[in-house]
């Protein structure tokens, strides 16, 4: 599936959105989100210092640094997500499940 991922990053967009993200990190909104201590993806509870800022649609993929596109997530989920969009994450999960099912069927 990696063959259809097209990442065309605009350096000016990326720089501008990263600056906006730095500003958001200092906002009460972000501090309150961290204080809740919940990872957006796995729903695990974490101390605020173990959560990271994640852009649902990555900046490198045209995403913006807005409250609607930023979530708190644990480092493991952030590392697993990388530069993927939500749709791509679902596709990779389905592909992995399909491969596992095929492997199980072959072993039986």
C-alpha atoms as a PDB file:
ATOM      1  CA  UNK A   1       0.000   0.000   0.000  1.00  0.00           C
ATOM      2  CA  UNK A   2       2.980   2.349   0.414  1.00  0.00           C
ATOM      3  CA  UNK A   3       3.014   2.761  -3.344  1.00  0.00           C
ATOM      4  CA  UNK A   4       0.015   5.111  -3.309  1.00  0.00           C
ATOM      5  CA  UNK A   5       1.088   7.448  -0.513  1.00  0.00           C
ATOM      6  CA  UNK A   6       1.927  10.774  -2.085  1.00  0.00           C
ATOM      7  CA  UNK A   7       3.620  13.237   0.229  1.00  0.00           C
ATOM      8  CA  UNK A   8       4.264  16.621  -1.285  1.00  0.00           C
ATOM      9  CA  UNK A   9       5.352  18.947   1.468  1.00  0.00           C
ATOM     10  CA  UNK A  10       5.336  22.705   0.996  1.00  0.00           C
ATOM     11  CA  UNK A  11       8.185  24.077   3.157  1.00  0.00           C
ATOM     12  CA  UNK A  12       6.484  27.450   3.655  1.00  0.00           C
ATOM     13  CA  UNK A  13       3.208  25.829   4.738  1.00  0.00           C
ATOM     14  CA  UNK A  14       5.069  23.499   7.086  1.00  0.00           C
ATOM     15  CA  UNK A  15       7.030  26.352   8.682  1.00  0.00           C
ATOM     16  CA  UNK A  16       3.920  28.506   9.128  1.00  0.00           C
ATOM     17  CA  UNK A  17       1.859  25.675  10.658  1.00  0.00           C
ATOM     18  CA  UNK A  18       4.655  24.571  12.998  1.00  0.00           C
ATOM     19  CA  UNK A  19       4.857  28.160  14.299  1.00  0.00           C
ATOM     20  CA  UNK A  20       1.095  28.130  14.913  1.00  0.00           C
ATOM     21  CA  UNK A  21       1.445  24.797  16.743  1.00  0.00           C
ATOM     22  CA  UNK A  22       4.107  26.296  19.039  1.00  0.00           C
ATOM     23  CA  UNK A  23       1.693  29.102  19.880  1.00  0.00           C
ATOM     24  CA  UNK A  24      -1.099  26.616  20.588  1.00  0.00           C
ATOM     25  CA  UNK A  25       1.175  24.690  22.998  1.00  0.00           C
ATOM     26  CA  UNK A  26       1.123  27.756  25.254  1.00  0.00           C
ATOM     27  CA  UNK A  27      -2.661  28.120  25.183  1.00  0.00           C
ATOM     28  CA  UNK A  28      -5.024  27.224  28.017  1.00  0.00           C
ATOM     29  CA  UNK A  29      -6.896  25.011  25.548  1.00  0.00           C
ATOM     30  CA  UNK A  30      -3.836  22.794  25.041  1.00  0.00           C
ATOM     31  CA  UNK A  31      -2.944  22.771  28.727  1.00  0.00           C
ATOM     32  CA  UNK A  32      -6.487  21.628  29.565  1.00  0.00           C
ATOM     33  CA  UNK A  33      -6.299  18.903  26.909  1.00  0.00           C
ATOM     34  CA  UNK A  34      -3.039  17.630  28.401  1.00  0.00           C
ATOM     35  CA  UNK A  35      -4.483  17.782  31.912  1.00  0.00           C
ATOM     36  CA  UNK A  36      -7.230  15.359  30.848  1.00  0.00           C
ATOM     37  CA  UNK A  37      -4.437  12.862  30.204  1.00  0.00           C
ATOM     38  CA  UNK A  38      -6.204  10.827  27.510  1.00  0.00           C
ATOM     39  CA  UNK A  39      -4.631   9.660  24.252  1.00  0.00           C
ATOM     40  CA  UNK A  40      -6.920  10.450  21.328  1.00  0.00           C
ATOM     41  CA  UNK A  41      -6.088   7.186  19.540  1.00  0.00           C
ATOM     42  CA  UNK A  42      -5.799   4.431  22.169  1.00  0.00           C
ATOM     43  CA  UNK A  43      -7.860   6.188  24.883  1.00  0.00           C
ATOM     44  CA  UNK A  44      -5.145   5.315  27.431  1.00  0.00           C
ATOM     45  CA  UNK A  45      -4.570   7.514  30.484  1.00  0.00           C
ATOM     46  CA  UNK A  46      -1.162   9.199  30.723  1.00  0.00           C
ATOM     47  CA  UNK A  47       0.526  11.921  32.748  1.00  0.00           C
ATOM     48  CA  UNK A  48       0.583  15.201  30.773  1.00  0.00           C
ATOM     49  CA  UNK A  49       4.343  14.991  30.183  1.00  0.00           C
ATOM     50  CA  UNK A  50       3.854  11.661  28.360  1.00  0.00           C
ATOM     51  CA  UNK A  51       1.435  13.107  25.802  1.00  0.00           C
ATOM     52  CA  UNK A  52       2.432  14.738  22.543  1.00  0.00           C
ATOM     53  CA  UNK A  53       0.717  17.070  20.110  1.00  0.00           C
ATOM     54  CA  UNK A  54      -0.444  15.325  16.969  1.00  0.00           C
ATOM     55  CA  UNK A  55      -1.964  16.773  13.830  1.00  0.00           C
ATOM     56  CA  UNK A  56      -4.765  14.441  12.689  1.00  0.00           C
ATOM     57  CA  UNK A  57      -4.040  15.460   9.103  1.00  0.00           C
ATOM     58  CA  UNK A  58      -0.264  15.909   9.234  1.00  0.00           C
ATOM     59  CA  UNK A  59       1.227  19.284   8.398  1.00  0.00           C
ATOM     60  CA  UNK A  60       3.411  17.556   5.803  1.00  0.00           C
ATOM     61  CA  UNK A  61       0.195  16.426   4.107  1.00  0.00           C
ATOM     62  CA  UNK A  62      -1.412  19.880   4.099  1.00  0.00           C
ATOM     63  CA  UNK A  63      -2.940  19.785   7.590  1.00  0.00           C
ATOM     64  CA  UNK A  64      -3.316  22.931   9.635  1.00  0.00           C
ATOM     65  CA  UNK A  65      -2.461  23.803  13.223  1.00  0.00           C
ATOM     66  CA  UNK A  66      -6.014  24.385  14.395  1.00  0.00           C
ATOM     67  CA  UNK A  67      -7.917  23.065  17.398  1.00  0.00           C
ATOM     68  CA  UNK A  68      -9.964  20.854  15.108  1.00  0.00           C
ATOM     69  CA  UNK A  69      -6.871  19.165  13.694  1.00  0.00           C
ATOM     70  CA  UNK A  70      -4.751  18.809  16.834  1.00  0.00           C
ATOM     71  CA  UNK A  71      -5.106  16.127  19.484  1.00  0.00           C
ATOM     72  CA  UNK A  72      -3.134  14.884  22.456  1.00  0.00           C
ATOM     73  CA  UNK A  73      -1.753  11.394  22.023  1.00  0.00           C
ATOM     74  CA  UNK A  74       0.749   9.081  23.630  1.00  0.00           C
ATOM     75  CA  UNK A  75       4.190   8.785  22.094  1.00  0.00           C
ATOM     76  CA  UNK A  76       3.584   5.187  20.977  1.00  0.00           C
ATOM     77  CA  UNK A  77       0.460   6.134  19.005  1.00  0.00           C
ATOM     78  CA  UNK A  78       2.161   9.219  17.567  1.00  0.00           C
ATOM     79  CA  UNK A  79       5.122   7.125  16.391  1.00  0.00           C
ATOM     80  CA  UNK A  80       2.821   4.493  14.892  1.00  0.00           C
ATOM     81  CA  UNK A  81       0.722   7.112  13.071  1.00  0.00           C
ATOM     82  CA  UNK A  82       3.712   8.915  11.527  1.00  0.00           C
ATOM     83  CA  UNK A  83       2.581  10.973   8.527  1.00  0.00           C
ATOM     84  CA  UNK A  84      -0.615   9.033   7.844  1.00  0.00           C
ATOM     85  CA  UNK A  85      -4.080  10.492   7.481  1.00  0.00           C
ATOM     86  CA  UNK A  86      -6.974   8.833   9.362  1.00  0.00           C
ATOM     87  CA  UNK A  87      -8.134   7.080   6.170  1.00  0.00           C
ATOM     88  CA  UNK A  88      -4.656   5.668   5.567  1.00  0.00           C
ATOM     89  CA  UNK A  89      -4.452   4.453   9.161  1.00  0.00           C
ATOM     90  CA  UNK A  90      -7.699   2.526   8.661  1.00  0.00           C
ATOM     91  CA  UNK A  91      -6.459   1.078   5.376  1.00  0.00           C
ATOM     92  CA  UNK A  92      -3.197  -0.107   6.968  1.00  0.00           C
ATOM     93  CA  UNK A  93      -5.112  -1.704   9.861  1.00  0.00           C
ATOM     94  CA  UNK A  94      -7.453  -3.498   7.455  1.00  0.00           C
ATOM     95  CA  UNK A  95      -4.524  -4.649   5.352  1.00  0.00           C
ATOM     96  CA  UNK A  96      -2.757  -6.017   8.441  1.00  0.00           C
ATOM     97  CA  UNK A  97      -5.916  -7.857   9.565  1.00  0.00           C
ATOM     98  CA  UNK A  98      -6.347  -9.332   6.094  1.00  0.00           C
ATOM     99  CA  UNK A  99      -2.750 -10.573   6.038  1.00  0.00           C
ATOM    100  CA  UNK A 100      -3.158 -12.100   9.506  1.00  0.00           C
ATOM    101  CA  UNK A 101      -6.369 -13.849   8.441  1.00  0.00           C
ATOM    102  CA  UNK A 102      -4.670 -15.235   5.319  1.00  0.00           C
ATOM    103  CA  UNK A 103      -1.736 -16.469   7.388  1.00  0.00           C
ATOM    104  CA  UNK A 104      -4.096 -18.195   9.840  1.00  0.00           C
ATOM    105  CA  UNK A 105      -6.017 -19.807   6.987  1.00  0.00           C
ATOM    106  CA  UNK A 106      -2.774 -21.114   5.476  1.00  0.00           C
ATOM    107  CA  UNK A 107      -1.685 -22.593   8.812  1.00  0.00           C
ATOM    108  CA  UNK A 108      -4.951 -24.510   9.257  1.00  0.00           C
END
